[in-house]
Amino acid sequence: KFIIKPAGEQHHAYADTITAEMELSAQARGTGIAKRSPEYIK
């Protein structure tokens, strides 16, 4: 079961994990659009 909702400042702690997984996923696919920083995600 998941909780899916609009993100807010209380979720900033997840930004590093999210951007790292985005990069790994793009490398695995061989494609990737708009590499983002944790600051951008925050």
PDB file of all heavy atoms in Angstrom:
ATOM      1  N   LYS A   1       0.845  -1.191   0.000  1.00  0.00           N
ATOM      2  CA  LYS A   1       0.000   0.000   0.000  1.00  0.00           C
ATOM      3  C   LYS A   1       0.884   1.245   0.000  1.00  0.00           C
ATOM      4  O   LYS A   1       1.851   1.336   0.750  1.00  0.00           O
ATOM      5  CB  LYS A   1      -0.902   0.010   1.230  1.00  0.00           C
ATOM      6  CG  LYS A   1      -1.861  -1.170   1.295  1.00  0.00           C
ATOM      7  CD  LYS A   1      -2.835  -1.152   0.131  1.00  0.00           C
ATOM      8  CE  LYS A   1      -3.828  -2.309   0.248  1.00  0.00           C
ATOM      9  NZ  LYS A   1      -4.777  -2.324  -0.882  1.00  0.00           N
ATOM     10  N   PHE A   2       0.543   2.197  -0.853  1.00  0.00           N
ATOM     11  CA  PHE A   2       1.328   3.424  -0.977  1.00  0.00           C
ATOM     12  C   PHE A   2       0.481   4.652  -0.670  1.00  0.00           C
ATOM     13  O   PHE A   2      -0.730   4.652  -0.873  1.00  0.00           O
ATOM     14  CB  PHE A   2       1.893   3.554  -2.391  1.00  0.00           C
ATOM     15  CG  PHE A   2       2.780   2.414  -2.809  1.00  0.00           C
ATOM     16  CD1 PHE A   2       2.279   1.393  -3.598  1.00  0.00           C
ATOM     17  CD2 PHE A   2       4.105   2.364  -2.405  1.00  0.00           C
ATOM     18  CE1 PHE A   2       3.089   0.335  -3.985  1.00  0.00           C
ATOM     19  CE2 PHE A   2       4.921   1.314  -2.778  1.00  0.00           C
ATOM     20  CZ  PHE A   2       4.414   0.301  -3.572  1.00  0.00           C
ATOM     21  N   ILE A   3       1.156   5.690  -0.229  1.00  0.00           N
ATOM     22  CA  ILE A   3       0.538   6.998  -0.069  1.00  0.00           C
ATOM     23  C   ILE A   3       1.077   7.862  -1.207  1.00  0.00           C
ATOM     24  O   ILE A   3       2.280   8.111  -1.283  1.00  0.00           O
ATOM     25  CB  ILE A   3       0.914   7.630   1.288  1.00  0.00           C
ATOM     26  CG1 ILE A   3       0.427   6.759   2.440  1.00  0.00           C
ATOM     27  CG2 ILE A   3       0.332   9.035   1.394  1.00  0.00           C
ATOM     28  CD1 ILE A   3       0.966   7.189   3.796  1.00  0.00           C
ATOM     29  N   ILE A   4       0.211   8.283  -2.103  1.00  0.00           N
ATOM     30  CA  ILE A   4       0.618   9.084  -3.267  1.00  0.00           C
ATOM     31  C   ILE A   4      -0.058  10.442  -3.147  1.00  0.00           C
ATOM     32  O   ILE A   4      -1.288  10.534  -3.130  1.00  0.00           O
ATOM     33  CB  ILE A   4       0.213   8.402  -4.587  1.00  0.00           C
ATOM     34  CG1 ILE A   4       0.732   6.966  -4.622  1.00  0.00           C
ATOM     35  CG2 ILE A   4       0.741   9.188  -5.783  1.00  0.00           C
ATOM     36  CD1 ILE A   4       0.206   6.148  -5.794  1.00  0.00           C
ATOM     37  N   LYS A   5       0.745  11.503  -3.073  1.00  0.00           N
ATOM     38  CA  LYS A   5       0.183  12.831  -2.843  1.00  0.00           C
ATOM     39  C   LYS A   5       1.137  13.913  -3.344  1.00  0.00           C
ATOM     40  O   LYS A   5       2.313  13.633  -3.628  1.00  0.00           O
ATOM     41  CB  LYS A   5      -0.061  13.029  -1.348  1.00  0.00           C
ATOM     42  CG  LYS A   5       1.185  12.926  -0.492  1.00  0.00           C
ATOM     43  CD  LYS A   5       0.844  13.059   0.988  1.00  0.00           C
ATOM     44  CE  LYS A   5       2.076  12.965   1.874  1.00  0.00           C
ATOM     45  NZ  LYS A   5       1.736  13.099   3.302  1.00  0.00           N
ATOM     46  N   PRO A   6       0.653  15.167  -3.444  1.00  0.00           N
ATOM     47  CA  PRO A   6       1.545  16.269  -3.828  1.00  0.00           C
ATOM     48  C   PRO A   6       2.681  16.387  -2.825  1.00  0.00           C
ATOM     49  O   PRO A   6       2.475  16.262  -1.614  1.00  0.00           O
ATOM     50  CB  PRO A   6       0.626  17.492  -3.784  1.00  0.00           C
ATOM     51  CG  PRO A   6      -0.741  16.940  -4.061  1.00  0.00           C
ATOM     52  CD  PRO A   6      -0.756  15.615  -3.361  1.00  0.00           C
ATOM     53  N   ALA A   7       3.899  16.590  -3.338  1.00  0.00           N
ATOM     54  CA  ALA A   7       5.070  16.714  -2.472  1.00  0.00           C
ATOM     55  C   ALA A   7       5.168  18.130  -1.923  1.00  0.00           C
ATOM     56  O   ALA A   7       4.657  19.087  -2.511  1.00  0.00           O
ATOM     57  CB  ALA A   7       6.330  16.369  -3.255  1.00  0.00           C
ATOM     58  N   GLY A   8       5.843  18.268  -0.779  1.00  0.00           N
ATOM     59  CA  GLY A   8       6.045  19.571  -0.163  1.00  0.00           C
ATOM     60  C   GLY A   8       7.417  19.665   0.462  1.00  0.00           C
ATOM     61  O   GLY A   8       8.249  18.757   0.306  1.00  0.00           O
ATOM     62  N   GLU A   9       7.663  20.734   1.169  1.00  0.00           N
ATOM     63  CA  GLU A   9       8.977  20.944   1.791  1.00  0.00           C
ATOM     64  C   GLU A   9       9.335  19.829   2.770  1.00  0.00           C
ATOM     65  O   GLU A   9      10.512  19.540   2.987  1.00  0.00           O
ATOM     66  CB  GLU A   9       9.000  22.301   2.504  1.00  0.00           C
ATOM     67  CG  GLU A   9       8.941  23.478   1.539  1.00  0.00           C
ATOM     68  CD  GLU A   9       9.052  24.821   2.255  1.00  0.00           C
ATOM     69  OE1 GLU A   9       9.188  24.823   3.500  1.00  0.00           O
ATOM     70  OE2 GLU A   9       9.003  25.857   1.569  1.00  0.00           O
ATOM     71  N   GLN A  10       8.334  19.188   3.349  1.00  0.00           N
ATOM     72  CA  GLN A  10       8.584  18.110   4.293  1.00  0.00           C
ATOM     73  C   GLN A  10       9.212  16.877   3.628  1.00  0.00           C
ATOM     74  O   GLN A  10       9.690  15.966   4.314  1.00  0.00           O
ATOM     75  CB  GLN A  10       7.285  17.708   5.008  1.00  0.00           C
ATOM     76  CG  GLN A  10       6.248  17.022   4.129  1.00  0.00           C
ATOM     77  CD  GLN A  10       5.312  17.995   3.427  1.00  0.00           C
ATOM     78  OE1 GLN A  10       5.691  19.122   3.147  1.00  0.00           O
ATOM     79  NE2 GLN A  10       4.103  17.543   3.179  1.00  0.00           N
ATOM     80  N   HIS A  11       9.239  16.886   2.281  1.00  0.00           N
ATOM     81  CA  HIS A  11       9.795  15.745   1.553  1.00  0.00           C
ATOM     82  C   HIS A  11      11.185  16.028   0.967  1.00  0.00           C
ATOM     83  O   HIS A  11      11.717  15.224   0.208  1.00  0.00           O
ATOM     84  CB  HIS A  11       8.840  15.339   0.421  1.00  0.00           C
ATOM     85  CG  HIS A  11       7.482  14.938   0.908  1.00  0.00           C
ATOM     86  ND1 HIS A  11       6.334  15.642   0.576  1.00  0.00           N
ATOM     87  CD2 HIS A  11       7.090  13.929   1.718  1.00  0.00           C
ATOM     88  CE1 HIS A  11       5.292  15.064   1.154  1.00  0.00           C
ATOM     89  NE2 HIS A  11       5.723  14.025   1.847  1.00  0.00           N
ATOM     90  N   HIS A  12      11.778  17.171   1.323  1.00  0.00           N
ATOM     91  CA  HIS A  12      13.099  17.538   0.799  1.00  0.00           C
ATOM     92  C   HIS A  12      14.151  16.470   1.077  1.00  0.00           C
ATOM     93  O   HIS A  12      15.097  16.305   0.301  1.00  0.00           O
ATOM     94  CB  HIS A  12      13.558  18.868   1.399  1.00  0.00           C
ATOM     95  CG  HIS A  12      12.923  20.056   0.759  1.00  0.00           C
ATOM     96  ND1 HIS A  12      13.333  21.353   1.009  1.00  0.00           N
ATOM     97  CD2 HIS A  12      11.907  20.154  -0.136  1.00  0.00           C
ATOM     98  CE1 HIS A  12      12.585  22.192   0.300  1.00  0.00           C
ATOM     99  NE2 HIS A  12      11.710  21.496  -0.392  1.00  0.00           N
ATOM    100  N   ALA A  13      14.011  15.739   2.154  1.00  0.00           N
ATOM    101  CA  ALA A  13      15.008  14.740   2.544  1.00  0.00           C
ATOM    102  C   ALA A  13      15.139  13.614   1.512  1.00  0.00           C
ATOM    103  O   ALA A  13      16.154  12.905   1.478  1.00  0.00           O
ATOM    104  CB  ALA A  13      14.647  14.146   3.906  1.00  0.00           C
ATOM    105  N   TYR A  14      14.136  13.472   0.645  1.00  0.00           N
ATOM    106  CA  TYR A  14      14.161  12.403  -0.353  1.00  0.00           C
ATOM    107  C   TYR A  14      14.828  12.835  -1.662  1.00  0.00           C
ATOM    108  O   TYR A  14      15.028  12.017  -2.558  1.00  0.00           O
ATOM    109  CB  TYR A  14      12.735  11.938  -0.682  1.00  0.00           C
ATOM    110  CG  TYR A  14      11.977  11.368   0.492  1.00  0.00           C
ATOM    111  CD1 TYR A  14      11.014  12.130   1.161  1.00  0.00           C
ATOM    112  CD2 TYR A  14      12.202  10.066   0.937  1.00  0.00           C
ATOM    113  CE1 TYR A  14      10.297  11.609   2.235  1.00  0.00           C
ATOM    114  CE2 TYR A  14      11.493   9.531   2.013  1.00  0.00           C
ATOM    115  CZ  TYR A  14      10.551  10.314   2.655  1.00  0.00           C
ATOM    116  OH  TYR A  14       9.854   9.797   3.715  1.00  0.00           O
ATOM    117  N   ALA A  15      15.166  14.111  -1.796  1.00  0.00           N
ATOM    118  CA  ALA A  15      15.650  14.659  -3.071  1.00  0.00           C
ATOM    119  C   ALA A  15      16.918  13.967  -3.578  1.00  0.00           C
ATOM    120  O   ALA A  15      17.033  13.663  -4.773  1.00  0.00           O
ATOM    121  CB  ALA A  15      15.882  16.162  -2.947  1.00  0.00           C
ATOM    122  N   ASP A  16      17.885  13.734  -2.708  1.00  0.00           N
ATOM    123  CA  ASP A  16      19.127  13.075  -3.130  1.00  0.00           C
ATOM    124  C   ASP A  16      18.860  11.665  -3.656  1.00  0.00           C
ATOM    125  O   ASP A  16      19.423  11.252  -4.672  1.00  0.00           O
ATOM    126  CB  ASP A  16      20.122  13.010  -1.961  1.00  0.00           C
ATOM    127  CG  ASP A  16      20.720  14.376  -1.636  1.00  0.00           C
ATOM    128  OD1 ASP A  16      21.019  15.134  -2.573  1.00  0.00           O
ATOM    129  OD2 ASP A  16      20.884  14.667  -0.452  1.00  0.00           O
ATOM    130  N   THR A  17      18.021  10.932  -2.973  1.00  0.00           N
ATOM    131  CA  THR A  17      17.684   9.564  -3.389  1.00  0.00           C
ATOM    132  C   THR A  17      16.985   9.566  -4.739  1.00  0.00           C
ATOM    133  O   THR A  17      17.277   8.739  -5.610  1.00  0.00           O
ATOM    134  CB  THR A  17      16.765   8.902  -2.340  1.00  0.00           C
ATOM    135  OG1 THR A  17      17.439   8.856  -1.083  1.00  0.00           O
ATOM    136  CG2 THR A  17      16.398   7.484  -2.762  1.00  0.00           C
ATOM    137  N   ILE A  18      16.074  10.515  -4.925  1.00  0.00           N
ATOM    138  CA  ILE A  18      15.313  10.604  -6.178  1.00  0.00           C
ATOM    139  C   ILE A  18      16.222  10.904  -7.362  1.00  0.00           C
ATOM    140  O   ILE A  18      16.153  10.225  -8.400  1.00  0.00           O
ATOM    141  CB  ILE A  18      14.220  11.687  -6.053  1.00  0.00           C
ATOM    142  CG1 ILE A  18      13.135  11.228  -5.076  1.00  0.00           C
ATOM    143  CG2 ILE A  18      13.604  12.004  -7.424  1.00  0.00           C
ATOM    144  CD1 ILE A  18      12.152  12.319  -4.672  1.00  0.00           C
ATOM    145  N   THR A  19      17.089  11.907  -7.244  1.00  0.00           N
ATOM    146  CA  THR A  19      17.962  12.274  -8.373  1.00  0.00           C
ATOM    147  C   THR A  19      18.973  11.170  -8.674  1.00  0.00           C
ATOM    148  O   THR A  19      19.294  10.929  -9.839  1.00  0.00           O
ATOM    149  CB  THR A  19      18.704  13.588  -8.086  1.00  0.00           C
ATOM    150  OG1 THR A  19      19.359  13.513  -6.813  1.00  0.00           O
ATOM    151  CG2 THR A  19      17.751  14.764  -8.077  1.00  0.00           C
ATOM    152  N   ALA A  20      19.458  10.481  -7.650  1.00  0.00           N
ATOM    153  CA  ALA A  20      20.405   9.381  -7.865  1.00  0.00           C
ATOM    154  C   ALA A  20      19.732   8.253  -8.630  1.00  0.00           C
ATOM    155  O   ALA A  20      20.318   7.684  -9.569  1.00  0.00           O
ATOM    156  CB  ALA A  20      20.936   8.874  -6.527  1.00  0.00           C
ATOM    157  N   GLU A  21      18.490   7.937  -8.280  1.00  0.00           N
ATOM    158  CA  GLU A  21      17.768   6.862  -8.960  1.00  0.00           C
ATOM    159  C   GLU A  21      17.408   7.255 -10.388  1.00  0.00           C
ATOM    160  O   GLU A  21      17.414   6.421 -11.298  1.00  0.00           O
ATOM    161  CB  GLU A  21      16.517   6.489  -8.179  1.00  0.00           C
ATOM    162  CG  GLU A  21      15.847   5.209  -8.656  1.00  0.00           C
ATOM    163  CD  GLU A  21      16.806   4.028  -8.698  1.00  0.00           C
ATOM    164  OE1 GLU A  21      17.479   3.763  -7.684  1.00  0.00           O
ATOM    165  OE2 GLU A  21      16.896   3.376  -9.756  1.00  0.00           O
ATOM    166  N   MET A  22      17.108   8.545 -10.603  1.00  0.00           N
ATOM    167  CA  MET A  22      16.830   9.027 -11.962  1.00  0.00           C
ATOM    168  C   MET A  22      18.035   8.791 -12.871  1.00  0.00           C
ATOM    169  O   MET A  22      17.903   8.329 -14.012  1.00  0.00           O
ATOM    170  CB  MET A  22      16.510  10.528 -11.936  1.00  0.00           C
ATOM    171  CG  MET A  22      15.131  10.886 -11.472  1.00  0.00           C
ATOM    172  SD  MET A  22      14.925  12.701 -11.465  1.00  0.00           S
ATOM    173  CE  MET A  22      13.187  12.831 -11.052  1.00  0.00           C
ATOM    174  N   GLU A  23      19.224   9.122 -12.364  1.00  0.00           N
ATOM    175  CA  GLU A  23      20.440   8.967 -13.154  1.00  0.00           C
ATOM    176  C   GLU A  23      20.740   7.505 -13.439  1.00  0.00           C
ATOM    177  O   GLU A  23      21.084   7.135 -14.568  1.00  0.00           O
ATOM    178  CB  GLU A  23      21.623   9.606 -12.430  1.00  0.00           C
ATOM    179  CG  GLU A  23      22.895   9.625 -13.261  1.00  0.00           C
ATOM    180  CD  GLU A  23      23.995  10.464 -12.652  1.00  0.00           C
ATOM    181  OE1 GLU A  23      23.782  11.036 -11.560  1.00  0.00           O
ATOM    182  OE2 GLU A  23      25.060  10.584 -13.271  1.00  0.00           O
ATOM    183  N   LEU A  24      20.590   6.645 -12.449  1.00  0.00           N
ATOM    184  CA  LEU A  24      20.841   5.212 -12.635  1.00  0.00           C
ATOM    185  C   LEU A  24      19.862   4.619 -13.648  1.00  0.00           C
ATOM    186  O   LEU A  24      20.249   3.810 -14.493  1.00  0.00           O
ATOM    187  CB  LEU A  24      20.706   4.479 -11.300  1.00  0.00           C
ATOM    188  CG  LEU A  24      21.830   4.696 -10.283  1.00  0.00           C
ATOM    189  CD1 LEU A  24      21.470   4.048  -8.954  1.00  0.00           C
ATOM    190  CD2 LEU A  24      23.139   4.129 -10.815  1.00  0.00           C
ATOM    191  N   SER A  25      18.612   5.041 -13.562  1.00  0.00           N
ATOM    192  CA  SER A  25      17.593   4.530 -14.475  1.00  0.00           C
ATOM    193  C   SER A  25      17.862   4.967 -15.909  1.00  0.00           C
ATOM    194  O   SER A  25      17.711   4.187 -16.850  1.00  0.00           O
ATOM    195  CB  SER A  25      16.209   5.021 -14.032  1.00  0.00           C
ATOM    196  OG  SER A  25      15.201   4.535 -14.891  1.00  0.00           O
ATOM    197  N   ALA A  26      18.278   6.229 -16.092  1.00  0.00           N
ATOM    198  CA  ALA A  26      18.591   6.751 -17.425  1.00  0.00           C
ATOM    199  C   ALA A  26      19.772   6.000 -18.038  1.00  0.00           C
ATOM    200  O   ALA A  26      19.774   5.676 -19.227  1.00  0.00           O
ATOM    201  CB  ALA A  26      18.902   8.237 -17.348  1.00  0.00           C
ATOM    202  N   GLN A  27      20.780   5.696 -17.221  1.00  0.00           N
ATOM    203  CA  GLN A  27      21.948   4.953 -17.695  1.00  0.00           C
ATOM    204  C   GLN A  27      21.555   3.551 -18.126  1.00  0.00           C
ATOM    205  O   GLN A  27      22.036   3.036 -19.140  1.00  0.00           O
ATOM    206  CB  GLN A  27      23.011   4.887 -16.594  1.00  0.00           C
ATOM    207  CG  GLN A  27      23.678   6.224 -16.305  1.00  0.00           C
ATOM    208  CD  GLN A  27      24.601   6.161 -15.109  1.00  0.00           C
ATOM    209  OE1 GLN A  27      24.684   5.145 -14.414  1.00  0.00           O
ATOM    210  NE2 GLN A  27      25.305   7.255 -14.831  1.00  0.00           N
ATOM    211  N   ALA A  28      20.664   2.925 -17.372  1.00  0.00           N
ATOM    212  CA  ALA A  28      20.220   1.570 -17.688  1.00  0.00           C
ATOM    213  C   ALA A  28      19.430   1.522 -18.994  1.00  0.00           C
ATOM    214  O   ALA A  28      19.554   0.581 -19.777  1.00  0.00           O
ATOM    215  CB  ALA A  28      19.372   1.024 -16.545  1.00  0.00           C
ATOM    216  N   ARG A  29      18.618   2.572 -19.254  1.00  0.00           N
ATOM    217  CA  ARG A  29      17.807   2.627 -20.473  1.00  0.00           C
ATOM    218  C   ARG A  29      18.613   3.070 -21.678  1.00  0.00           C
ATOM    219  O   ARG A  29      18.227   2.828 -22.820  1.00  0.00           O
ATOM    220  CB  ARG A  29      16.632   3.600 -20.298  1.00  0.00           C
ATOM    221  CG  ARG A  29      15.602   3.201 -19.276  1.00  0.00           C
ATOM    222  CD  ARG A  29      14.338   4.040 -19.431  1.00  0.00           C
ATOM    223  NE  ARG A  29      14.643   5.455 -19.532  1.00  0.00           N
ATOM    224  CZ  ARG A  29      14.693   6.289 -18.517  1.00  0.00           C
ATOM    225  NH1 ARG A  29      14.502   5.843 -17.298  1.00  0.00           N
ATOM    226  NH2 ARG A  29      14.966   7.571 -18.691  1.00  0.00           N
ATOM    227  N   GLY A  30      19.709   3.782 -21.436  1.00  0.00           N
ATOM    228  CA  GLY A  30      20.479   4.336 -22.549  1.00  0.00           C
ATOM    229  C   GLY A  30      19.896   5.644 -23.038  1.00  0.00           C
ATOM    230  O   GLY A  30      20.276   6.160 -24.084  1.00  0.00           O
ATOM    231  N   THR A  31      18.936   6.197 -22.296  1.00  0.00           N
ATOM    232  CA  THR A  31      18.353   7.503 -22.631  1.00  0.00           C
ATOM    233  C   THR A  31      18.198   8.284 -21.341  1.00  0.00           C
ATOM    234  O   THR A  31      18.263   7.735 -20.251  1.00  0.00           O
ATOM    235  CB  THR A  31      16.964   7.373 -23.294  1.00  0.00           C
ATOM    236  OG1 THR A  31      16.086   6.699 -22.379  1.00  0.00           O
ATOM    237  CG2 THR A  31      17.044   6.602 -24.586  1.00  0.00           C
ATOM    238  N   GLY A  32      17.957   9.555 -21.462  1.00  0.00           N
ATOM    239  CA  GLY A  32      17.748  10.352 -20.261  1.00  0.00           C
ATOM    240  C   GLY A  32      17.509  11.802 -20.612  1.00  0.00           C
ATOM    241  O   GLY A  32      18.297  12.402 -21.323  1.00  0.00           O
ATOM    242  N   ILE A  33      16.421  12.361 -20.147  1.00  0.00           N
ATOM    243  CA  ILE A  33      16.085  13.740 -20.450  1.00  0.00           C
ATOM    244  C   ILE A  33      16.272  14.598 -19.197  1.00  0.00           C
ATOM    245  O   ILE A  33      15.840  14.235 -18.111  1.00  0.00           O
ATOM    246  CB  ILE A  33      14.617  13.854 -20.929  1.00  0.00           C
ATOM    247  CG1 ILE A  33      14.411  13.029 -22.190  1.00  0.00           C
ATOM    248  CG2 ILE A  33      14.233  15.299 -21.171  1.00  0.00           C
ATOM    249  CD1 ILE A  33      15.190  13.470 -23.393  1.00  0.00           C
ATOM    250  N   ALA A  34      16.885  15.744 -19.386  1.00  0.00           N
ATOM    251  CA  ALA A  34      16.968  16.767 -18.345  1.00  0.00           C
ATOM    252  C   ALA A  34      17.449  16.244 -16.994  1.00  0.00           C
ATOM    253  O   ALA A  34      16.676  16.064 -16.071  1.00  0.00           O
ATOM    254  CB  ALA A  34      15.617  17.449 -18.185  1.00  0.00           C
ATOM    255  N   LYS A  35      18.735  15.996 -16.905  1.00  0.00           N
ATOM    256  CA  LYS A  35      19.328  15.591 -15.634  1.00  0.00           C
ATOM    257  C   LYS A  35      19.121  16.717 -14.622  1.00  0.00           C
ATOM    258  O   LYS A  35      19.432  17.867 -14.884  1.00  0.00           O
ATOM    259  CB  LYS A  35      20.824  15.324 -15.827  1.00  0.00           C
ATOM    260  CG  LYS A  35      21.523  14.808 -14.588  1.00  0.00           C
ATOM    261  CD  LYS A  35      22.967  14.492 -14.904  1.00  0.00           C
ATOM    262  CE  LYS A  35      23.692  13.994 -13.667  1.00  0.00           C
ATOM    263  NZ  LYS A  35      25.115  13.680 -13.969  1.00  0.00           N
ATOM    264  N   ARG A  36      18.584  16.369 -13.456  1.00  0.00           N
ATOM    265  CA  ARG A  36      18.227  17.381 -12.466  1.00  0.00           C
ATOM    266  C   ARG A  36      19.035  17.225 -11.180  1.00  0.00           C
ATOM    267  O   ARG A  36      19.450  16.130 -10.823  1.00  0.00           O
ATOM    268  CB  ARG A  36      16.736  17.290 -12.126  1.00  0.00           C
ATOM    269  CG  ARG A  36      15.810  17.579 -13.302  1.00  0.00           C
ATOM    270  CD  ARG A  36      16.099  18.916 -13.939  1.00  0.00           C
ATOM    271  NE  ARG A  36      15.090  19.290 -14.935  1.00  0.00           N
ATOM    272  CZ  ARG A  36      15.203  20.319 -15.746  1.00  0.00           C
ATOM    273  NH1 ARG A  36      16.280  21.082 -15.708  1.00  0.00           N
ATOM    274  NH2 ARG A  36      14.256  20.595 -16.607  1.00  0.00           N
ATOM    275  N   SER A  37      19.214  18.334 -10.483  1.00  0.00           N
ATOM    276  CA  SER A  37      19.943  18.340  -9.218  1.00  0.00           C
ATOM    277  C   SER A  37      18.959  18.177  -8.069  1.00  0.00           C
ATOM    278  O   SER A  37      17.753  18.445  -8.216  1.00  0.00           O
ATOM    279  CB  SER A  37      20.691  19.663  -9.052  1.00  0.00           C
ATOM    280  OG  SER A  37      19.764  20.724  -8.900  1.00  0.00           O
ATOM    281  N   PRO A  38      19.438  17.780  -6.884  1.00  0.00           N
ATOM    282  CA  PRO A  38      18.558  17.695  -5.717  1.00  0.00           C
ATOM    283  C   PRO A  38      17.898  19.040  -5.406  1.00  0.00           C
ATOM    284  O   PRO A  38      16.736  19.085  -4.980  1.00  0.00           O
ATOM    285  CB  PRO A  38      19.516  17.268  -4.599  1.00  0.00           C
ATOM    286  CG  PRO A  38      20.584  16.487  -5.307  1.00  0.00           C
ATOM    287  CD  PRO A  38      20.775  17.230  -6.596  1.00  0.00           C
ATOM    288  N   GLU A  39      18.624  20.138  -5.647  1.00  0.00           N
ATOM    289  CA  GLU A  39      18.077  21.467  -5.390  1.00  0.00           C
ATOM    290  C   GLU A  39      16.877  21.754  -6.286  1.00  0.00           C
ATOM    291  O   GLU A  39      15.890  22.370  -5.857  1.00  0.00           O
ATOM    292  CB  GLU A  39      19.157  22.542  -5.607  1.00  0.00           C
ATOM    293  CG  GLU A  39      20.267  22.557  -4.561  1.00  0.00           C
ATOM    294  CD  GLU A  39      21.177  21.331  -4.637  1.00  0.00           C
ATOM    295  OE1 GLU A  39      21.345  20.777  -5.753  1.00  0.00           O
ATOM    296  OE2 GLU A  39      21.694  20.920  -3.586  1.00  0.00           O
ATOM    297  N   TYR A  40      16.972  21.329  -7.547  1.00  0.00           N
ATOM    298  CA  TYR A  40      15.869  21.531  -8.488  1.00  0.00           C
ATOM    299  C   TYR A  40      14.638  20.748  -8.024  1.00  0.00           C
ATOM    300  O   TYR A  40      13.503  21.262  -8.051  1.00  0.00           O
ATOM    301  CB  TYR A  40      16.280  21.082  -9.884  1.00  0.00           C
ATOM    302  CG  TYR A  40      15.241  21.358 -10.944  1.00  0.00           C
ATOM    303  CD1 TYR A  40      15.176  22.585 -11.584  1.00  0.00           C
ATOM    304  CD2 TYR A  40      14.310  20.378 -11.303  1.00  0.00           C
ATOM    305  CE1 TYR A  40      14.216  22.839 -12.545  1.00  0.00           C
ATOM    306  CE2 TYR A  40      13.347  20.621 -12.255  1.00  0.00           C
ATOM    307  CZ  TYR A  40      13.297  21.855 -12.884  1.00  0.00           C
ATOM    308  OH  TYR A  40      12.332  22.096 -13.823  1.00  0.00           O
ATOM    309  N   ILE A  41      14.853  19.514  -7.612  1.00  0.00           N
ATOM    310  CA  ILE A  41      13.751  18.673  -7.140  1.00  0.00           C
ATOM    311  C   ILE A  41      13.110  19.282  -5.895  1.00  0.00           C
ATOM    312  O   ILE A  41      11.889  19.298  -5.741  1.00  0.00           O
ATOM    313  CB  ILE A  41      14.254  17.245  -6.843  1.00  0.00           C
ATOM    314  CG1 ILE A  41      14.744  16.566  -8.133  1.00  0.00           C
ATOM    315  CG2 ILE A  41      13.160  16.417  -6.187  1.00  0.00           C
ATOM    316  CD1 ILE A  41      13.727  16.482  -9.240  1.00  0.00           C
ATOM    317  N   LYS A  42      13.927  19.821  -5.000  1.00  0.00           N
ATOM    318  CA  LYS A  42      13.407  20.465  -3.795  1.00  0.00           C
ATOM    319  C   LYS A  42      12.544  21.680  -4.159  1.00  0.00           C
ATOM    320  O   LYS A  42      11.517  21.931  -3.517  1.00  0.00           O
ATOM    321  CB  LYS A  42      14.560  20.899  -2.885  1.00  0.00           C
ATOM    322  CG  LYS A  42      15.289  19.748  -2.208  1.00  0.00           C
ATOM    323  CD  LYS A  42      16.464  20.258  -1.384  1.00  0.00           C
ATOM    324  CE  LYS A  42      17.250  19.112  -0.765  1.00  0.00           C
ATOM    325  NZ  LYS A  42      18.439  19.598  -0.002  1.00  0.00           N
TER     326      LYS A  42
END
